[in-house]
Amino acid sequence: MKKYPILETQQFKFREIKRNDYNLIKKWYKNSEAESLSNKSIKRISPRKWYKYYKNDYDLLIYIIEEKNIYCIPIGTVILRVIDENTVELGGYVIGESSAKKQGYGIKVMNLIQKIIFSKLGCRYSYLKVNCSNRPAVETYIKCGYKINSFIEKKNQDMYIMRAVNRTCTQ
């Protein structure tokens, strides 16, 4: 899978991660309700191993989201896993910078993520897993065209599997 180093709009810049982003991403996920592909593993490995794993995994795309107009700093991250030519898993997405939370970035960023998945990568489906108790995330995903596809009952948390079919956010 081709890794796109930079994707940019007027308001946001999505850039591929660098090794020194490790601590920032770790902090964001530690302080959020987000679950991701890397959330458990990021706590257990060194930045060097984590970054090497990423660089060698051609189906994994991790971007830092930089806000360009107000904060002009990294505000979050998105993790995508290409399953096959038709399907991408949104493995993690978080607006982690506290000053950028509750500023309306959720739907705007999800719109760009959908464009990456459906336009840049050319996939037909996108799915994600989200904690049922994370109502703001569930509502954002629904607004962006995801539908609850199934339910996973776990010991400590229940999860929805949500799926979107080749369309982008309308807001």
Protein backbone atom coordinates (compact mmCIF):
# COMPACT_ATOMS: atom_id res chain seq x y z
CA MET A 1 0.00 0.00 0.00
CA LYS A 2 1.31 3.43 -0.90
CA LYS A 3 1.91 5.64 2.13
CA TYR A 4 0.97 9.25 1.56
CA PRO A 5 3.40 11.41 3.52
CA ILE A 6 1.27 14.57 3.52
CA LEU A 7 -2.40 15.29 2.89
CA GLU A 8 -3.42 18.90 3.29
CA THR A 9 -6.47 21.17 3.25
CA GLN A 10 -6.88 24.81 4.22
CA GLN A 11 -7.50 23.93 7.86
CA PHE A 12 -5.62 20.66 8.43
CA LYS A 13 -2.43 18.91 7.48
CA PHE A 14 -2.20 15.14 7.81
CA ARG A 15 1.42 14.11 7.92
CA GLU A 16 2.95 10.70 8.34
CA ILE A 17 4.24 10.04 11.84
CA LYS A 18 7.85 10.40 12.85
CA ARG A 19 9.62 8.47 15.57
CA ASN A 20 9.55 11.48 17.90
CA ASP A 21 5.71 11.52 17.72
CA TYR A 22 5.61 8.41 19.92
CA ASN A 23 5.29 10.21 23.28
CA LEU A 24 2.66 12.61 21.95
CA ILE A 25 0.50 9.79 20.61
CA LYS A 26 0.96 7.80 23.80
CA LYS A 27 -0.16 10.81 25.87
CA TRP A 28 -3.23 11.41 23.69
CA TYR A 29 -4.43 7.81 23.89
CA LYS A 30 -3.73 7.60 27.60
CA ASN A 31 -5.98 10.63 28.17
CA SER A 32 -8.81 9.51 25.87
CA GLU A 33 -11.51 6.90 25.69
CA ALA A 34 -10.18 5.78 22.32
CA GLU A 35 -9.27 2.20 21.60
CA SER A 36 -6.91 1.50 18.77
CA LEU A 37 -4.64 -0.99 17.10
CA SER A 38 -1.68 0.57 18.85
CA ASN A 39 -3.23 1.54 22.17
CA LYS A 40 -2.18 -1.63 23.97
CA SER A 41 1.12 -2.15 22.18
CA ILE A 42 2.29 1.46 22.49
CA LYS A 43 2.56 1.02 26.26
CA ARG A 44 4.89 -1.97 25.95
CA ILE A 45 7.52 -1.18 23.35
CA SER A 46 10.24 1.41 22.88
CA PRO A 47 9.77 4.31 20.44
CA ARG A 48 12.44 2.85 18.17
CA LYS A 49 10.74 -0.58 17.96
CA TRP A 50 7.31 1.01 17.61
CA TYR A 51 8.45 3.20 14.72
CA LYS A 52 10.36 0.36 13.03
CA TYR A 53 7.24 -1.83 13.26
CA TYR A 54 5.22 0.94 11.65
CA LYS A 55 7.69 1.54 8.82
CA ASN A 56 7.76 -2.19 8.01
CA ASP A 57 3.98 -2.65 8.09
CA TYR A 58 2.83 -1.49 4.66
CA ASP A 59 -0.86 -1.90 5.51
CA LEU A 60 -0.69 0.47 8.48
CA LEU A 61 -1.05 4.22 7.97
CA ILE A 62 -0.61 6.57 10.92
CA TYR A 63 -1.04 10.31 10.51
CA ILE A 64 -0.57 13.24 12.84
CA ILE A 65 -3.33 15.81 12.39
CA GLU A 66 -2.02 19.37 12.50
CA GLU A 67 -4.44 22.28 12.76
CA LYS A 68 -3.12 25.13 10.58
CA ASN A 69 -5.25 28.20 11.40
CA ILE A 70 -5.71 28.65 15.15
CA TYR A 71 -3.35 26.42 17.13
CA CYS A 72 -0.79 25.64 14.42
CA ILE A 73 0.22 22.50 16.33
CA PRO A 74 -0.47 18.76 16.18
CA ILE A 75 -3.93 18.18 17.66
CA GLY A 76 -4.53 14.49 17.08
CA THR A 77 -3.82 11.29 15.24
CA VAL A 78 -5.52 8.77 13.00
CA ILE A 79 -4.58 5.13 12.50
CA LEU A 80 -5.77 3.25 9.43
CA ARG A 81 -5.25 -0.44 8.66
CA VAL A 82 -5.74 -1.52 5.05
CA ILE A 83 -7.45 -4.91 5.21
CA ASP A 84 -7.71 -5.50 1.45
CA GLU A 85 -8.26 -3.39 -1.69
CA ASN A 86 -11.88 -2.78 -0.68
CA THR A 87 -11.70 -2.37 3.10
CA VAL A 88 -9.96 -0.15 5.64
CA GLU A 89 -10.23 -0.38 9.41
CA LEU A 90 -10.22 2.94 11.22
CA GLY A 91 -8.07 1.58 14.03
CA GLY A 92 -7.83 4.74 16.05
CA TYR A 93 -8.69 8.38 15.85
CA VAL A 94 -8.34 10.96 18.55
CA ILE A 95 -8.30 14.72 18.93
CA GLY A 96 -5.85 14.54 21.80
CA GLU A 97 -4.65 18.08 22.34
CA SER A 98 -6.76 19.44 25.21
CA SER A 99 -7.03 22.95 23.75
CA ALA A 100 -8.46 21.52 20.52
CA LYS A 101 -11.13 19.35 22.16
CA LYS A 102 -14.78 20.40 21.87
CA GLN A 103 -13.92 22.84 19.08
CA GLY A 104 -15.94 21.04 16.38
CA TYR A 105 -13.01 19.27 14.77
CA GLY A 106 -14.47 15.77 15.04
CA ILE A 107 -16.74 15.81 11.99
CA LYS A 108 -14.35 17.95 9.93
CA VAL A 109 -11.48 15.54 10.55
CA MET A 110 -13.69 12.48 9.97
CA ASN A 111 -14.70 14.01 6.63
CA LEU A 112 -11.03 14.11 5.64
CA ILE A 113 -10.43 10.59 6.93
CA GLN A 114 -13.31 9.36 4.77
CA LYS A 115 -11.78 11.14 1.76
CA ILE A 116 -8.46 9.41 2.43
CA ILE A 117 -10.17 6.03 2.71
CA PHE A 118 -12.55 6.35 -0.22
CA SER A 119 -10.77 8.71 -2.63
CA LYS A 120 -7.03 8.35 -2.02
CA LEU A 121 -7.00 4.66 -1.10
CA GLY A 122 -9.96 3.78 -3.35
CA CYS A 123 -11.64 1.52 -0.79
CA ARG A 124 -15.31 0.66 -0.82
CA TYR A 125 -15.79 -0.02 2.92
CA SER A 126 -14.55 1.37 6.18
CA TYR A 127 -15.20 -0.08 9.59
CA LEU A 128 -14.24 0.69 13.16
CA LYS A 129 -14.74 -0.51 16.70
CA VAL A 130 -15.90 1.95 19.32
CA ASN A 131 -16.69 1.67 23.00
CA CYS A 132 -20.49 1.81 23.40
CA SER A 133 -20.17 4.26 26.28
CA ASN A 134 -18.24 6.76 24.12
CA ARG A 135 -21.41 8.55 22.96
CA PRO A 136 -19.66 11.58 21.40
CA ALA A 137 -17.59 9.30 19.16
CA VAL A 138 -20.58 7.12 18.24
CA GLU A 139 -22.62 10.23 17.34
CA THR A 140 -19.77 11.64 15.24
CA TYR A 141 -19.40 8.39 13.34
CA ILE A 142 -23.15 8.20 12.68
CA LYS A 143 -23.13 11.79 11.35
CA CYS A 144 -20.32 10.73 9.01
CA GLY A 145 -22.24 7.85 7.51
CA TYR A 146 -21.26 4.94 9.76
CA LYS A 147 -23.94 2.53 10.85
CA ILE A 148 -23.83 0.11 13.75
CA ASN A 149 -23.18 -3.24 12.13
CA SER A 150 -22.75 -5.49 15.17
CA PHE A 151 -22.06 -5.57 18.88
CA ILE A 152 -19.21 -7.16 20.84
CA GLU A 153 -19.84 -7.94 24.47
CA LYS A 154 -16.62 -7.90 26.48
CA LYS A 155 -15.84 -8.34 30.13
CA ASN A 156 -14.86 -4.71 30.80
CA GLN A 157 -16.39 -2.86 27.85
CA ASP A 158 -18.97 -3.38 25.17
CA MET A 159 -18.06 -2.34 21.65
CA TYR A 160 -19.95 -1.48 18.49
CA ILE A 161 -18.57 -2.44 15.13
CA MET A 162 -19.60 0.35 12.80
CA ARG A 163 -19.33 0.36 9.02
CA ALA A 164 -19.46 3.00 6.27
CA VAL A 165 -19.91 2.40 2.57
CA ASN A 166 -18.09 4.65 0.07
CA ARG A 167 -19.46 8.06 0.97
CA THR A 168 -18.02 10.99 2.86
CA CYS A 169 -19.36 13.16 5.66
CA THR A 170 -21.92 15.67 4.53
CA GLN A 171 -21.17 18.31 7.16
